[in-house]
Amino acid sequence: MISDLVAVTGASGAVGGRVAARLARTGVPVRLLGRDPARLPDLPGAVAAPPAAYGDGETMRRALDGAHTLFLVSAHESPGRVTEHTTAVDAALAAGVERIVYV
């Protein structure tokens, strides 16, 4: 496990994108997560994870494998949002993520 790897969800959006860019600029290893990998930014030292929806626990777990920290940007309002977020957090724990920052 890379002890300082930070996985950032919503990396193609405003909040996640800014966090990912700042981390990459300071040399922190970053894994970018987004619904559309083609929209993820090209940041030095950052790698894109395969697509993983918050509500798909297995793909989220695989995307988060080896990450120490998860920066989890809240999904859009939807009837299933709480379940999706719970699934994403459970997947992070199953992947061994030690810290979750939820926005």
PDB file of N, CA and C in Angstrom:
ATOM      1  N   MET A   1       0.835  -1.177   0.000  1.00  0.00           N
ATOM      2  CA  MET A   1       0.000   0.000   0.000  1.00  0.00           C
ATOM      3  C   MET A   1       0.884   1.246   0.000  1.00  0.00           C
ATOM      4  N   ILE A   2       0.555   2.201  -0.860  1.00  0.00           N
ATOM      5  CA  ILE A   2       1.252   3.483  -0.866  1.00  0.00           C
ATOM      6  C   ILE A   2       0.640   4.304   0.252  1.00  0.00           C
ATOM      7  N   SER A   3       1.406   4.593   1.285  1.00  0.00           N
ATOM      8  CA  SER A   3       0.836   5.150   2.506  1.00  0.00           C
ATOM      9  C   SER A   3       0.229   6.531   2.354  1.00  0.00           C
ATOM     10  N   ASP A   4       0.616   7.292   1.356  1.00  0.00           N
ATOM     11  CA  ASP A   4       0.068   8.640   1.259  1.00  0.00           C
ATOM     12  C   ASP A   4      -0.806   8.845   0.030  1.00  0.00           C
ATOM     13  N   LEU A   5      -1.226   7.777  -0.635  1.00  0.00           N
ATOM     14  CA  LEU A   5      -2.075   7.887  -1.814  1.00  0.00           C
ATOM     15  C   LEU A   5      -3.447   8.425  -1.427  1.00  0.00           C
ATOM     16  N   VAL A   6      -3.863   9.485  -2.117  1.00  0.00           N
ATOM     17  CA  VAL A   6      -5.170  10.092  -1.873  1.00  0.00           C
ATOM     18  C   VAL A   6      -6.048   9.858  -3.097  1.00  0.00           C
ATOM     19  N   ALA A   7      -7.200   9.252  -2.887  1.00  0.00           N
ATOM     20  CA  ALA A   7      -8.189   9.072  -3.953  1.00  0.00           C
ATOM     21  C   ALA A   7      -9.167  10.235  -3.867  1.00  0.00           C
ATOM     22  N   VAL A   8      -9.392  10.884  -4.987  1.00  0.00           N
ATOM     23  CA  VAL A   8     -10.275  12.050  -5.024  1.00  0.00           C
ATOM     24  C   VAL A   8     -11.433  11.767  -5.964  1.00  0.00           C
ATOM     25  N   THR A   9     -12.658  11.756  -5.422  1.00  0.00           N
ATOM     26  CA  THR A   9     -13.836  11.583  -6.272  1.00  0.00           C
ATOM     27  C   THR A   9     -14.243  12.943  -6.835  1.00  0.00           C
ATOM     28  N   GLY A  10     -14.997  12.898  -7.906  1.00  0.00           N
ATOM     29  CA  GLY A  10     -15.437  14.141  -8.523  1.00  0.00           C
ATOM     30  C   GLY A  10     -14.289  14.963  -9.062  1.00  0.00           C
ATOM     31  N   ALA A  11     -13.221  14.292  -9.463  1.00  0.00           N
ATOM     32  CA  ALA A  11     -11.999  14.983  -9.883  1.00  0.00           C
ATOM     33  C   ALA A  11     -12.169  15.789 -11.155  1.00  0.00           C
ATOM     34  N   SER A  12     -13.247  15.556 -11.903  1.00  0.00           N
ATOM     35  CA  SER A  12     -13.493  16.363 -13.101  1.00  0.00           C
ATOM     36  C   SER A  12     -14.376  17.571 -12.784  1.00  0.00           C
ATOM     37  N   GLY A  13     -14.815  17.679 -11.549  1.00  0.00           N
ATOM     38  CA  GLY A  13     -15.669  18.791 -11.141  1.00  0.00           C
ATOM     39  C   GLY A  13     -14.895  19.908 -10.469  1.00  0.00           C
ATOM     40  N   ALA A  14     -15.621  20.911 -10.005  1.00  0.00           N
ATOM     41  CA  ALA A  14     -15.006  22.103  -9.419  1.00  0.00           C
ATOM     42  C   ALA A  14     -14.261  21.797  -8.119  1.00  0.00           C
ATOM     43  N   VAL A  15     -14.934  21.198  -7.156  1.00  0.00           N
ATOM     44  CA  VAL A  15     -14.305  20.958  -5.851  1.00  0.00           C
ATOM     45  C   VAL A  15     -13.249  19.861  -5.943  1.00  0.00           C
ATOM     46  N   GLY A  16     -13.637  18.684  -6.432  1.00  0.00           N
ATOM     47  CA  GLY A  16     -12.689  17.583  -6.541  1.00  0.00           C
ATOM     48  C   GLY A  16     -11.517  17.916  -7.437  1.00  0.00           C
ATOM     49  N   GLY A  17     -11.772  18.640  -8.507  1.00  0.00           N
ATOM     50  CA  GLY A  17     -10.701  19.038  -9.422  1.00  0.00           C
ATOM     51  C   GLY A  17      -9.683  19.950  -8.768  1.00  0.00           C
ATOM     52  N   ARG A  18     -10.170  20.902  -7.982  1.00  0.00           N
ATOM     53  CA  ARG A  18      -9.247  21.825  -7.294  1.00  0.00           C
ATOM     54  C   ARG A  18      -8.428  21.100  -6.230  1.00  0.00           C
ATOM     55  N   VAL A  19      -9.077  20.204  -5.493  1.00  0.00           N
ATOM     56  CA  VAL A  19      -8.353  19.440  -4.468  1.00  0.00           C
ATOM     57  C   VAL A  19      -7.299  18.557  -5.128  1.00  0.00           C
ATOM     58  N   ALA A  20      -7.671  17.857  -6.187  1.00  0.00           N
ATOM     59  CA  ALA A  20      -6.728  16.979  -6.883  1.00  0.00           C
ATOM     60  C   ALA A  20      -5.552  17.775  -7.438  1.00  0.00           C
ATOM     61  N   ALA A  21      -5.820  18.928  -8.035  1.00  0.00           N
ATOM     62  CA  ALA A  21      -4.744  19.749  -8.603  1.00  0.00           C
ATOM     63  C   ALA A  21      -3.791  20.237  -7.519  1.00  0.00           C
ATOM     64  N   ARG A  22      -4.324  20.658  -6.398  1.00  0.00           N
ATOM     65  CA  ARG A  22      -3.455  21.140  -5.310  1.00  0.00           C
ATOM     66  C   ARG A  22      -2.604  20.001  -4.752  1.00  0.00           C
ATOM     67  N   LEU A  23      -3.200  18.848  -4.561  1.00  0.00           N
ATOM     68  CA  LEU A  23      -2.433  17.703  -4.066  1.00  0.00           C
ATOM     69  C   LEU A  23      -1.330  17.335  -5.046  1.00  0.00           C
ATOM     70  N   ALA A  24      -1.666  17.275  -6.325  1.00  0.00           N
ATOM     71  CA  ALA A  24      -0.672  16.908  -7.349  1.00  0.00           C
ATOM     72  C   ALA A  24       0.465  17.934  -7.383  1.00  0.00           C
ATOM     73  N   ARG A  25       0.133  19.217  -7.268  1.00  0.00           N
ATOM     74  CA  ARG A  25       1.174  20.261  -7.291  1.00  0.00           C
ATOM     75  C   ARG A  25       2.151  20.122  -6.123  1.00  0.00           C
ATOM     76  N   THR A  26       1.671  19.598  -5.007  1.00  0.00           N
ATOM     77  CA  THR A  26       2.541  19.455  -3.841  1.00  0.00           C
ATOM     78  C   THR A  26       3.233  18.100  -3.791  1.00  0.00           C
ATOM     79  N   GLY A  27       3.021  17.274  -4.827  1.00  0.00           N
ATOM     80  CA  GLY A  27       3.727  16.002  -4.911  1.00  0.00           C
ATOM     81  C   GLY A  27       3.054  14.830  -4.229  1.00  0.00           C
ATOM     82  N   VAL A  28       1.821  15.015  -3.765  1.00  0.00           N
ATOM     83  CA  VAL A  28       1.093  13.918  -3.136  1.00  0.00           C
ATOM     84  C   VAL A  28       0.589  12.978  -4.230  1.00  0.00           C
ATOM     85  N   PRO A  29       0.782  11.675  -4.082  1.00  0.00           N
ATOM     86  CA  PRO A  29       0.234  10.739  -5.065  1.00  0.00           C
ATOM     87  C   PRO A  29      -1.293  10.797  -5.057  1.00  0.00           C
ATOM     88  N   VAL A  30      -1.892  10.962  -6.232  1.00  0.00           N
ATOM     89  CA  VAL A  30      -3.338  11.141  -6.338  1.00  0.00           C
ATOM     90  C   VAL A  30      -3.914  10.135  -7.324  1.00  0.00           C
ATOM     91  N   ARG A  31      -5.043   9.535  -6.941  1.00  0.00           N
ATOM     92  CA  ARG A  31      -5.818   8.697  -7.851  1.00  0.00           C
ATOM     93  C   ARG A  31      -7.124   9.446  -8.110  1.00  0.00           C
ATOM     94  N   LEU A  32      -7.404   9.700  -9.374  1.00  0.00           N
ATOM     95  CA  LEU A  32      -8.573  10.473  -9.769  1.00  0.00           C
ATOM     96  C   LEU A  32      -9.753   9.556 -10.050  1.00  0.00           C
ATOM     97  N   LEU A  33     -10.895   9.872  -9.454  1.00  0.00           N
ATOM     98  CA  LEU A  33     -12.111   9.113  -9.701  1.00  0.00           C
ATOM     99  C   LEU A  33     -13.167  10.046 -10.280  1.00  0.00           C
ATOM    100  N   GLY A  34     -13.849   9.572 -11.291  1.00  0.00           N
ATOM    101  CA  GLY A  34     -14.911  10.352 -11.907  1.00  0.00           C
ATOM    102  C   GLY A  34     -15.803   9.440 -12.721  1.00  0.00           C
ATOM    103  N   ARG A  35     -17.006   9.912 -12.986  1.00  0.00           N
ATOM    104  CA  ARG A  35     -17.951   9.093 -13.767  1.00  0.00           C
ATOM    105  C   ARG A  35     -17.477   8.898 -15.191  1.00  0.00           C
ATOM    106  N   ASP A  36     -16.797   9.903 -15.741  1.00  0.00           N
ATOM    107  CA  ASP A  36     -16.327   9.837 -17.125  1.00  0.00           C
ATOM    108  C   ASP A  36     -14.816  10.041 -17.143  1.00  0.00           C
ATOM    109  N   PRO A  37     -14.045   8.959 -17.229  1.00  0.00           N
ATOM    110  CA  PRO A  37     -12.585   9.077 -17.193  1.00  0.00           C
ATOM    111  C   PRO A  37     -12.019  10.026 -18.259  1.00  0.00           C
ATOM    112  N   ALA A  38     -12.721  10.185 -19.374  1.00  0.00           N
ATOM    113  CA  ALA A  38     -12.243  11.084 -20.428  1.00  0.00           C
ATOM    114  C   ALA A  38     -12.244  12.546 -19.969  1.00  0.00           C
ATOM    115  N   ARG A  39     -13.032  12.863 -18.950  1.00  0.00           N
ATOM    116  CA  ARG A  39     -13.110  14.239 -18.449  1.00  0.00           C
ATOM    117  C   ARG A  39     -12.135  14.523 -17.300  1.00  0.00           C
ATOM    118  N   LEU A  40     -11.445  13.498 -16.825  1.00  0.00           N
ATOM    119  CA  LEU A  40     -10.527  13.699 -15.702  1.00  0.00           C
ATOM    120  C   LEU A  40      -9.346  14.561 -16.146  1.00  0.00           C
ATOM    121  N   PRO A  41      -8.871  15.429 -15.264  1.00  0.00           N
ATOM    122  CA  PRO A  41      -7.758  16.303 -15.632  1.00  0.00           C
ATOM    123  C   PRO A  41      -6.452  15.535 -15.774  1.00  0.00           C
ATOM    124  N   ASP A  42      -5.560  16.075 -16.566  1.00  0.00           N
ATOM    125  CA  ASP A  42      -4.224  15.513 -16.734  1.00  0.00           C
ATOM    126  C   ASP A  42      -3.322  16.232 -15.744  1.00  0.00           C
ATOM    127  N   LEU A  43      -3.038  15.576 -14.626  1.00  0.00           N
ATOM    128  CA  LEU A  43      -2.243  16.194 -13.566  1.00  0.00           C
ATOM    129  C   LEU A  43      -0.944  15.421 -13.384  1.00  0.00           C
ATOM    130  N   PRO A  44       0.147  16.115 -13.134  1.00  0.00           N
ATOM    131  CA  PRO A  44       1.429  15.426 -12.956  1.00  0.00           C
ATOM    132  C   PRO A  44       1.384  14.456 -11.774  1.00  0.00           C
ATOM    133  N   GLY A  45       1.762  13.221 -12.042  1.00  0.00           N
ATOM    134  CA  GLY A  45       1.831  12.211 -10.994  1.00  0.00           C
ATOM    135  C   GLY A  45       0.498  11.586 -10.627  1.00  0.00           C
ATOM    136  N   ALA A  46      -0.599  12.089 -11.165  1.00  0.00           N
ATOM    137  CA  ALA A  46      -1.923  11.544 -10.845  1.00  0.00           C
ATOM    138  C   ALA A  46      -2.276  10.441 -11.825  1.00  0.00           C
ATOM    139  N   VAL A  47      -3.020   9.461 -11.343  1.00  0.00           N
ATOM    140  CA  VAL A  47      -3.488   8.377 -12.196  1.00  0.00           C
ATOM    141  C   VAL A  47      -5.006   8.295 -12.111  1.00  0.00           C
ATOM    142  N   ALA A  48      -5.627   7.943 -13.211  1.00  0.00           N
ATOM    143  CA  ALA A  48      -7.074   7.802 -13.253  1.00  0.00           C
ATOM    144  C   ALA A  48      -7.474   6.384 -12.876  1.00  0.00           C
ATOM    145  N   ALA A  49      -8.482   6.284 -12.028  1.00  0.00           N
ATOM    146  CA  ALA A  49      -9.039   4.976 -11.674  1.00  0.00           C
ATOM    147  C   ALA A  49     -10.068   4.590 -12.728  1.00  0.00           C
ATOM    148  N   PRO A  50     -10.328   3.309 -12.873  1.00  0.00           N
ATOM    149  CA  PRO A  50     -11.425   2.899 -13.757  1.00  0.00           C
ATOM    150  C   PRO A  50     -12.736   3.506 -13.236  1.00  0.00           C
ATOM    151  N   PRO A  51     -13.726   3.689 -14.099  1.00  0.00           N
ATOM    152  CA  PRO A  51     -14.994   4.261 -13.645  1.00  0.00           C
ATOM    153  C   PRO A  51     -15.584   3.439 -12.509  1.00  0.00           C
ATOM    154  N   ALA A  52     -16.106   4.144 -11.511  1.00  0.00           N
ATOM    155  CA  ALA A  52     -16.728   3.480 -10.368  1.00  0.00           C
ATOM    156  C   ALA A  52     -17.822   4.382  -9.821  1.00  0.00           C
ATOM    157  N   ALA A  53     -19.043   3.874  -9.806  1.00  0.00           N
ATOM    158  CA  ALA A  53     -20.169   4.623  -9.253  1.00  0.00           C
ATOM    159  C   ALA A  53     -20.224   4.417  -7.745  1.00  0.00           C
ATOM    160  N   TYR A  54     -20.638   5.445  -7.028  1.00  0.00           N
ATOM    161  CA  TYR A  54     -20.734   5.356  -5.566  1.00  0.00           C
ATOM    162  C   TYR A  54     -21.571   4.168  -5.121  1.00  0.00           C
ATOM    163  N   GLY A  55     -22.613   3.852  -5.838  1.00  0.00           N
ATOM    164  CA  GLY A  55     -23.509   2.776  -5.440  1.00  0.00           C
ATOM    165  C   GLY A  55     -23.046   1.382  -5.818  1.00  0.00           C
ATOM    166  N   ASP A  56     -21.908   1.272  -6.499  1.00  0.00           N
ATOM    167  CA  ASP A  56     -21.368  -0.027  -6.904  1.00  0.00           C
ATOM    168  C   ASP A  56     -20.179  -0.347  -6.004  1.00  0.00           C
ATOM    169  N   GLY A  57     -20.462  -1.038  -4.930  1.00  0.00           N
ATOM    170  CA  GLY A  57     -19.454  -1.298  -3.904  1.00  0.00           C
ATOM    171  C   GLY A  57     -18.203  -1.991  -4.409  1.00  0.00           C
ATOM    172  N   GLU A  58     -18.361  -2.968  -5.283  1.00  0.00           N
ATOM    173  CA  GLU A  58     -17.197  -3.733  -5.751  1.00  0.00           C
ATOM    174  C   GLU A  58     -16.288  -2.888  -6.637  1.00  0.00           C
ATOM    175  N   THR A  59     -16.843  -2.114  -7.560  1.00  0.00           N
ATOM    176  CA  THR A  59     -15.974  -1.289  -8.406  1.00  0.00           C
ATOM    177  C   THR A  59     -15.349  -0.153  -7.601  1.00  0.00           C
ATOM    178  N   MET A  60     -16.080   0.380  -6.617  1.00  0.00           N
ATOM    179  CA  MET A  60     -15.499   1.411  -5.743  1.00  0.00           C
ATOM    180  C   MET A  60     -14.342   0.810  -4.935  1.00  0.00           C
ATOM    181  N   ARG A  61     -14.542  -0.395  -4.406  1.00  0.00           N
ATOM    182  CA  ARG A  61     -13.473  -1.025  -3.619  1.00  0.00           C
ATOM    183  C   ARG A  61     -12.225  -1.202  -4.468  1.00  0.00           C
ATOM    184  N   ARG A  62     -12.396  -1.669  -5.687  1.00  0.00           N
ATOM    185  CA  ARG A  62     -11.236  -1.854  -6.577  1.00  0.00           C
ATOM    186  C   ARG A  62     -10.573  -0.513  -6.892  1.00  0.00           C
ATOM    187  N   ALA A  63     -11.373   0.515  -7.121  1.00  0.00           N
ATOM    188  CA  ALA A  63     -10.819   1.836  -7.447  1.00  0.00           C
ATOM    189  C   ALA A  63     -10.070   2.441  -6.262  1.00  0.00           C
ATOM    190  N   LEU A  64     -10.444   2.058  -5.049  1.00  0.00           N
ATOM    191  CA  LEU A  64      -9.837   2.628  -3.848  1.00  0.00           C
ATOM    192  C   LEU A  64      -8.737   1.757  -3.254  1.00  0.00           C
ATOM    193  N   ASP A  65      -8.526   0.584  -3.813  1.00  0.00           N
ATOM    194  CA  ASP A  65      -7.510  -0.331  -3.287  1.00  0.00           C
ATOM    195  C   ASP A  65      -6.149   0.351  -3.248  1.00  0.00           C
ATOM    196  N   GLY A  66      -5.512   0.348  -2.088  1.00  0.00           N
ATOM    197  CA  GLY A  66      -4.193   0.943  -1.932  1.00  0.00           C
ATOM    198  C   GLY A  66      -4.201   2.401  -1.512  1.00  0.00           C
ATOM    199  N   ALA A  67      -5.367   3.034  -1.475  1.00  0.00           N
ATOM    200  CA  ALA A  67      -5.437   4.436  -1.058  1.00  0.00           C
ATOM    201  C   ALA A  67      -5.432   4.534   0.460  1.00  0.00           C
ATOM    202  N   HIS A  68      -4.767   5.536   0.962  1.00  0.00           N
ATOM    203  CA  HIS A  68      -4.751   5.808   2.398  1.00  0.00           C
ATOM    204  C   HIS A  68      -5.919   6.719   2.771  1.00  0.00           C
ATOM    205  N   THR A  69      -6.189   7.693   1.908  1.00  0.00           N
ATOM    206  CA  THR A  69      -7.217   8.702   2.179  1.00  0.00           C
ATOM    207  C   THR A  69      -8.172   8.782   0.995  1.00  0.00           C
ATOM    208  N   LEU A  70      -9.453   8.955   1.305  1.00  0.00           N
ATOM    209  CA  LEU A  70     -10.472   9.187   0.294  1.00  0.00           C
ATOM    210  C   LEU A  70     -11.061  10.569   0.517  1.00  0.00           C
ATOM    211  N   PHE A  71     -11.003  11.414  -0.515  1.00  0.00           N
ATOM    212  CA  PHE A  71     -11.690  12.697  -0.514  1.00  0.00           C
ATOM    213  C   PHE A  71     -12.980  12.466  -1.285  1.00  0.00           C
ATOM    214  N   LEU A  72     -14.090  12.374  -0.567  1.00  0.00           N
ATOM    215  CA  LEU A  72     -15.374  11.984  -1.140  1.00  0.00           C
ATOM    216  C   LEU A  72     -16.267  13.208  -1.314  1.00  0.00           C
ATOM    217  N   VAL A  73     -16.434  13.618  -2.563  1.00  0.00           N
ATOM    218  CA  VAL A  73     -17.311  14.744  -2.879  1.00  0.00           C
ATOM    219  C   VAL A  73     -18.732  14.211  -2.981  1.00  0.00           C
ATOM    220  N   SER A  74     -19.653  14.862  -2.272  1.00  0.00           N
ATOM    221  CA  SER A  74     -21.043  14.438  -2.258  1.00  0.00           C
ATOM    222  C   SER A  74     -21.630  14.381  -3.666  1.00  0.00           C
ATOM    223  N   ALA A  75     -22.409  13.345  -3.909  1.00  0.00           N
ATOM    224  CA  ALA A  75     -23.085  13.196  -5.204  1.00  0.00           C
ATOM    225  C   ALA A  75     -24.260  14.170  -5.295  1.00  0.00           C
ATOM    226  N   HIS A  76     -24.771  14.326  -6.505  1.00  0.00           N
ATOM    227  CA  HIS A  76     -25.938  15.183  -6.713  1.00  0.00           C
ATOM    228  C   HIS A  76     -27.132  14.656  -5.918  1.00  0.00           C
ATOM    229  N   GLU A  77     -28.038  15.552  -5.585  1.00  0.00           N
ATOM    230  CA  GLU A  77     -29.267  15.165  -4.895  1.00  0.00           C
ATOM    231  C   GLU A  77     -29.988  14.084  -5.686  1.00  0.00           C
ATOM    232  N   SER A  78     -30.359  13.031  -4.997  1.00  0.00           N
ATOM    233  CA  SER A  78     -31.142  11.966  -5.609  1.00  0.00           C
ATOM    234  C   SER A  78     -31.781  11.158  -4.486  1.00  0.00           C
ATOM    235  N   PRO A  79     -32.846  10.441  -4.767  1.00  0.00           N
ATOM    236  CA  PRO A  79     -33.505   9.651  -3.725  1.00  0.00           C
ATOM    237  C   PRO A  79     -32.578   8.600  -3.095  1.00  0.00           C
ATOM    238  N   GLY A  80     -31.612   8.077  -3.856  1.00  0.00           N
ATOM    239  CA  GLY A  80     -30.738   7.026  -3.336  1.00  0.00           C
ATOM    240  C   GLY A  80     -29.380   7.514  -2.867  1.00  0.00           C
ATOM    241  N   ARG A  81     -29.216   8.822  -2.715  1.00  0.00           N
ATOM    242  CA  ARG A  81     -27.896   9.378  -2.412  1.00  0.00           C
ATOM    243  C   ARG A  81     -27.303   8.846  -1.103  1.00  0.00           C
ATOM    244  N   VAL A  82     -28.098   8.749  -0.054  1.00  0.00           N
ATOM    245  CA  VAL A  82     -27.568   8.264   1.226  1.00  0.00           C
ATOM    246  C   VAL A  82     -27.068   6.830   1.077  1.00  0.00           C
ATOM    247  N   THR A  83     -27.827   5.993   0.390  1.00  0.00           N
ATOM    248  CA  THR A  83     -27.408   4.608   0.168  1.00  0.00           C
ATOM    249  C   THR A  83     -26.126   4.561  -0.661  1.00  0.00           C
ATOM    250  N   GLU A  84     -26.049   5.397  -1.697  1.00  0.00           N
ATOM    251  CA  GLU A  84     -24.846   5.433  -2.532  1.00  0.00           C
ATOM    252  C   GLU A  84     -23.622   5.848  -1.716  1.00  0.00           C
ATOM    253  N   HIS A  85     -23.771   6.855  -0.887  1.00  0.00           N
ATOM    254  CA  HIS A  85     -22.644   7.317  -0.068  1.00  0.00           C
ATOM    255  C   HIS A  85     -22.233   6.257   0.951  1.00  0.00           C
ATOM    256  N   THR A  86     -23.216   5.611   1.547  1.00  0.00           N
ATOM    257  CA  THR A  86     -22.916   4.541   2.506  1.00  0.00           C
ATOM    258  C   THR A  86     -22.164   3.412   1.808  1.00  0.00           C
ATOM    259  N   THR A  87     -22.576   3.057   0.606  1.00  0.00           N
ATOM    260  CA  THR A  87     -21.900   2.016  -0.155  1.00  0.00           C
ATOM    261  C   THR A  87     -20.459   2.434  -0.463  1.00  0.00           C
ATOM    262  N   ALA A  88     -20.250   3.691  -0.842  1.00  0.00           N
ATOM    263  CA  ALA A  88     -18.902   4.179  -1.140  1.00  0.00           C
ATOM    264  C   ALA A  88     -18.013   4.139   0.098  1.00  0.00           C
ATOM    265  N   VAL A  89     -18.557   4.538   1.238  1.00  0.00           N
ATOM    266  CA  VAL A  89     -17.780   4.514   2.483  1.00  0.00           C
ATOM    267  C   VAL A  89     -17.462   3.074   2.872  1.00  0.00           C
ATOM    268  N   ASP A  90     -18.445   2.188   2.777  1.00  0.00           N
ATOM    269  CA  ASP A  90     -18.203   0.774   3.085  1.00  0.00           C
ATOM    270  C   ASP A  90     -17.126   0.193   2.165  1.00  0.00           C
ATOM    271  N   ALA A  91     -17.150   0.580   0.888  1.00  0.00           N
ATOM    272  CA  ALA A  91     -16.139   0.099  -0.064  1.00  0.00           C
ATOM    273  C   ALA A  91     -14.758   0.624   0.319  1.00  0.00           C
ATOM    274  N   ALA A  92     -14.696   1.864   0.756  1.00  0.00           N
ATOM    275  CA  ALA A  92     -13.414   2.441   1.188  1.00  0.00           C
ATOM    276  C   ALA A  92     -12.860   1.670   2.381  1.00  0.00           C
ATOM    277  N   LEU A  93     -13.705   1.368   3.336  1.00  0.00           N
ATOM    278  CA  LEU A  93     -13.256   0.604   4.505  1.00  0.00           C
ATOM    279  C   LEU A  93     -12.791  -0.789   4.097  1.00  0.00           C
ATOM    280  N   ALA A  94     -13.525  -1.427   3.196  1.00  0.00           N
ATOM    281  CA  ALA A  94     -13.138  -2.755   2.724  1.00  0.00           C
ATOM    282  C   ALA A  94     -11.809  -2.721   1.975  1.00  0.00           C
ATOM    283  N   ALA A  95     -11.505  -1.587   1.335  1.00  0.00           N
ATOM    284  CA  ALA A  95     -10.249  -1.444   0.588  1.00  0.00           C
ATOM    285  C   ALA A  95      -9.083  -1.074   1.503  1.00  0.00           C
ATOM    286  N   GLY A  96      -9.364  -0.804   2.770  1.00  0.00           N
ATOM    287  CA  GLY A  96      -8.296  -0.455   3.706  1.00  0.00           C
ATOM    288  C   GLY A  96      -8.012   1.032   3.817  1.00  0.00           C
ATOM    289  N   VAL A  97      -8.902   1.867   3.278  1.00  0.00           N
ATOM    290  CA  VAL A  97      -8.723   3.314   3.404  1.00  0.00           C
ATOM    291  C   VAL A  97      -8.788   3.671   4.889  1.00  0.00           C
ATOM    292  N   GLU A  98      -7.832   4.491   5.333  1.00  0.00           N
ATOM    293  CA  GLU A  98      -7.751   4.834   6.748  1.00  0.00           C
ATOM    294  C   GLU A  98      -8.401   6.159   7.100  1.00  0.00           C
ATOM    295  N   ARG A  99      -8.556   7.044   6.118  1.00  0.00           N
ATOM    296  CA  ARG A  99      -9.129   8.356   6.392  1.00  0.00           C
ATOM    297  C   ARG A  99     -10.089   8.720   5.264  1.00  0.00           C
ATOM    298  N   ILE A 100     -11.268   9.211   5.656  1.00  0.00           N
ATOM    299  CA  ILE A 100     -12.252   9.669   4.679  1.00  0.00           C
ATOM    300  C   ILE A 100     -12.592  11.111   4.992  1.00  0.00           C
ATOM    301  N   VAL A 101     -12.447  11.956   3.979  1.00  0.00           N
ATOM    302  CA  VAL A 101     -12.830  13.353   4.079  1.00  0.00           C
ATOM    303  C   VAL A 101     -14.071  13.502   3.208  1.00  0.00           C
ATOM    304  N   TYR A 102     -15.189  13.868   3.824  1.00  0.00           N
ATOM    305  CA  TYR A 102     -16.462  13.942   3.118  1.00  0.00           C
ATOM    306  C   TYR A 102     -16.882  15.405   2.965  1.00  0.00           C
ATOM    307  N   VAL A 103     -17.176  15.795   1.741  1.00  0.00           N
ATOM    308  CA  VAL A 103     -17.640  17.160   1.480  1.00  0.00           C
ATOM    309  C   VAL A 103     -18.999  17.073   0.828  1.00  0.00           C
TER     310      VAL A 103
END
